[in-house]
C-alpha atoms as a PDB file:
ATOM      1  CA  MET A   1      13.778   1.730 -16.152  1.00  0.00           C
ATOM      2  CA  PHE A   2      15.727   2.023 -12.904  1.00  0.00           C
ATOM      3  CA  PHE A   3      18.642   3.786 -14.572  1.00  0.00           C
ATOM      4  CA  ILE A   4      16.324   6.351 -16.165  1.00  0.00           C
ATOM      5  CA  GLU A   5      14.804   7.125 -12.776  1.00  0.00           C
ATOM      6  CA  LEU A   6      18.266   7.233 -11.192  1.00  0.00           C
ATOM      7  CA  PHE A   7      19.366   9.731 -13.865  1.00  0.00           C
ATOM      8  CA  ARG A   8      16.306  11.902 -13.205  1.00  0.00           C
ATOM      9  CA  TYR A   9      16.946  11.815  -9.478  1.00  0.00           C
ATOM     10  CA  LEU A  10      20.659  12.607  -9.688  1.00  0.00           C
ATOM     11  CA  PHE A  11      20.500  15.368 -12.302  1.00  0.00           C
ATOM     12  CA  TYR A  12      17.052  16.927 -11.884  1.00  0.00           C
ATOM     13  CA  GLY A  13      15.974  15.930  -8.361  1.00  0.00           C
ATOM     14  CA  THR A  14      12.703  14.442  -9.618  1.00  0.00           C
ATOM     15  CA  GLY A  15      11.297  11.050 -10.484  1.00  0.00           C
ATOM     16  CA  MET A  16      10.076   7.904  -8.803  1.00  0.00           C
ATOM     17  CA  LEU A  17      13.053   7.680  -6.432  1.00  0.00           C
ATOM     18  CA  LEU A  18      11.570  10.574  -4.465  1.00  0.00           C
ATOM     19  CA  ALA A  19       8.660   8.316  -3.475  1.00  0.00           C
ATOM     20  CA  PRO A  20       8.403   7.598   0.228  1.00  0.00           C
ATOM     21  CA  VAL A  21       9.337   4.160   1.438  1.00  0.00           C
ATOM     22  CA  LEU A  22       6.381   2.128   2.594  1.00  0.00           C
ATOM     23  CA  GLN A  23       6.251   2.458   6.362  1.00  0.00           C
ATOM     24  CA  LEU A  24       3.208   0.332   7.146  1.00  0.00           C
ATOM     25  CA  ALA A  25       1.380  -2.550   5.525  1.00  0.00           C
ATOM     26  CA  ILE A  26      -1.782  -4.040   7.008  1.00  0.00           C
ATOM     27  CA  PHE A  27      -2.798  -7.580   6.059  1.00  0.00           C
ATOM     28  CA  ALA A  28      -6.367  -8.789   6.602  1.00  0.00           C
ATOM     29  CA  SER A  29      -8.644 -11.666   5.701  1.00  0.00           C
ATOM     30  CA  THR A  30     -12.069 -10.988   4.204  1.00  0.00           C
ATOM     31  CA  LEU A  31     -13.340 -14.296   5.615  1.00  0.00           C
ATOM     32  CA  LEU A  32     -13.559 -12.605   9.015  1.00  0.00           C
ATOM     33  CA  LEU A  33     -15.863  -9.814   7.738  1.00  0.00           C
ATOM     34  CA  ASP A  34     -19.656  -9.754   7.440  1.00  0.00           C
ATOM     35  CA  GLN A  35     -21.751  -8.375   4.555  1.00  0.00           C
ATOM     36  CA  GLN A  36     -21.182  -4.753   5.651  1.00  0.00           C
ATOM     37  CA  GLY A  37     -17.415  -5.207   5.946  1.00  0.00           C
ATOM     38  CA  LEU A  38     -17.359  -5.242   9.731  1.00  0.00           C
ATOM     39  CA  PRO A  39     -15.620  -7.920  11.808  1.00  0.00           C
ATOM     40  CA  GLN A  40     -17.906 -10.842  12.634  1.00  0.00           C
ATOM     41  CA  LYS A  41     -18.618 -11.198  16.334  1.00  0.00           C
ATOM     42  CA  GLY A  42     -17.446 -14.365  17.992  1.00  0.00           C
ATOM     43  CA  GLN A  43     -15.319 -15.589  15.072  1.00  0.00           C
ATOM     44  CA  LYS A  44     -11.718 -16.292  15.943  1.00  0.00           C
ATOM     45  CA  ASN A  45      -8.809 -15.882  13.576  1.00  0.00           C
ATOM     46  CA  ASP A  46      -7.457 -19.333  12.705  1.00  0.00           C
ATOM     47  CA  GLU A  47      -3.816 -19.788  11.807  1.00  0.00           C
ATOM     48  CA  ASP A  48      -4.948 -21.605   8.642  1.00  0.00           C
ATOM     49  CA  VAL A  49      -6.702 -18.497   7.292  1.00  0.00           C
ATOM     50  CA  LEU A  50      -4.340 -16.558   5.048  1.00  0.00           C
ATOM     51  CA  PRO A  51      -4.778 -12.805   4.524  1.00  0.00           C
ATOM     52  CA  ASP A  52      -6.145 -11.904   1.100  1.00  0.00           C
ATOM     53  CA  VAL A  53      -6.155  -8.103   1.398  1.00  0.00           C
ATOM     54  CA  GLU A  54      -3.156  -5.805   1.771  1.00  0.00           C
ATOM     55  CA  ILE A  55      -3.608  -2.176   2.754  1.00  0.00           C
ATOM     56  CA  MET A  56      -0.575  -0.007   2.067  1.00  0.00           C
ATOM     57  CA  THR A  57      -0.179   3.543   3.268  1.00  0.00           C
ATOM     58  CA  VAL A  58       1.056   5.946   0.594  1.00  0.00           C
ATOM     59  CA  SER A  59       1.690   9.654   0.858  1.00  0.00           C
ATOM     60  CA  THR A  60      -0.984  11.679  -0.936  1.00  0.00           C
ATOM     61  CA  LEU A  61       1.685  14.089  -2.158  1.00  0.00           C
ATOM     62  CA  PHE A  62       3.343  11.219  -4.044  1.00  0.00           C
ATOM     63  CA  PHE A  63      -0.017  10.078  -5.421  1.00  0.00           C
ATOM     64  CA  PHE A  64      -0.849  13.505  -6.847  1.00  0.00           C
ATOM     65  CA  GLU A  65       2.635  13.941  -8.335  1.00  0.00           C
ATOM     66  CA  ILE A  66       2.385  10.654 -10.222  1.00  0.00           C
ATOM     67  CA  PHE A  67      -1.322  10.561 -11.209  1.00  0.00           C
ATOM     68  CA  GLY A  68      -2.215  14.248 -11.295  1.00  0.00           C
ATOM     69  CA  HIS A  69      -4.993  16.041  -9.454  1.00  0.00           C
END
């Protein structure tokens, strides 16, 4: 798969290798949120609580090129 994408990038200037590199990832724990998804007041983040949600920023231009409009 990688070599196909490398071929597309080198010869046609298209493909998945044009995708932006992830610049920012946000990790969060849903245990610290209430029913509406807001942070609970007065609850401290323990070191034992592991994040279970990852939010990754992706360029919308890349999204529309891959998945269409």
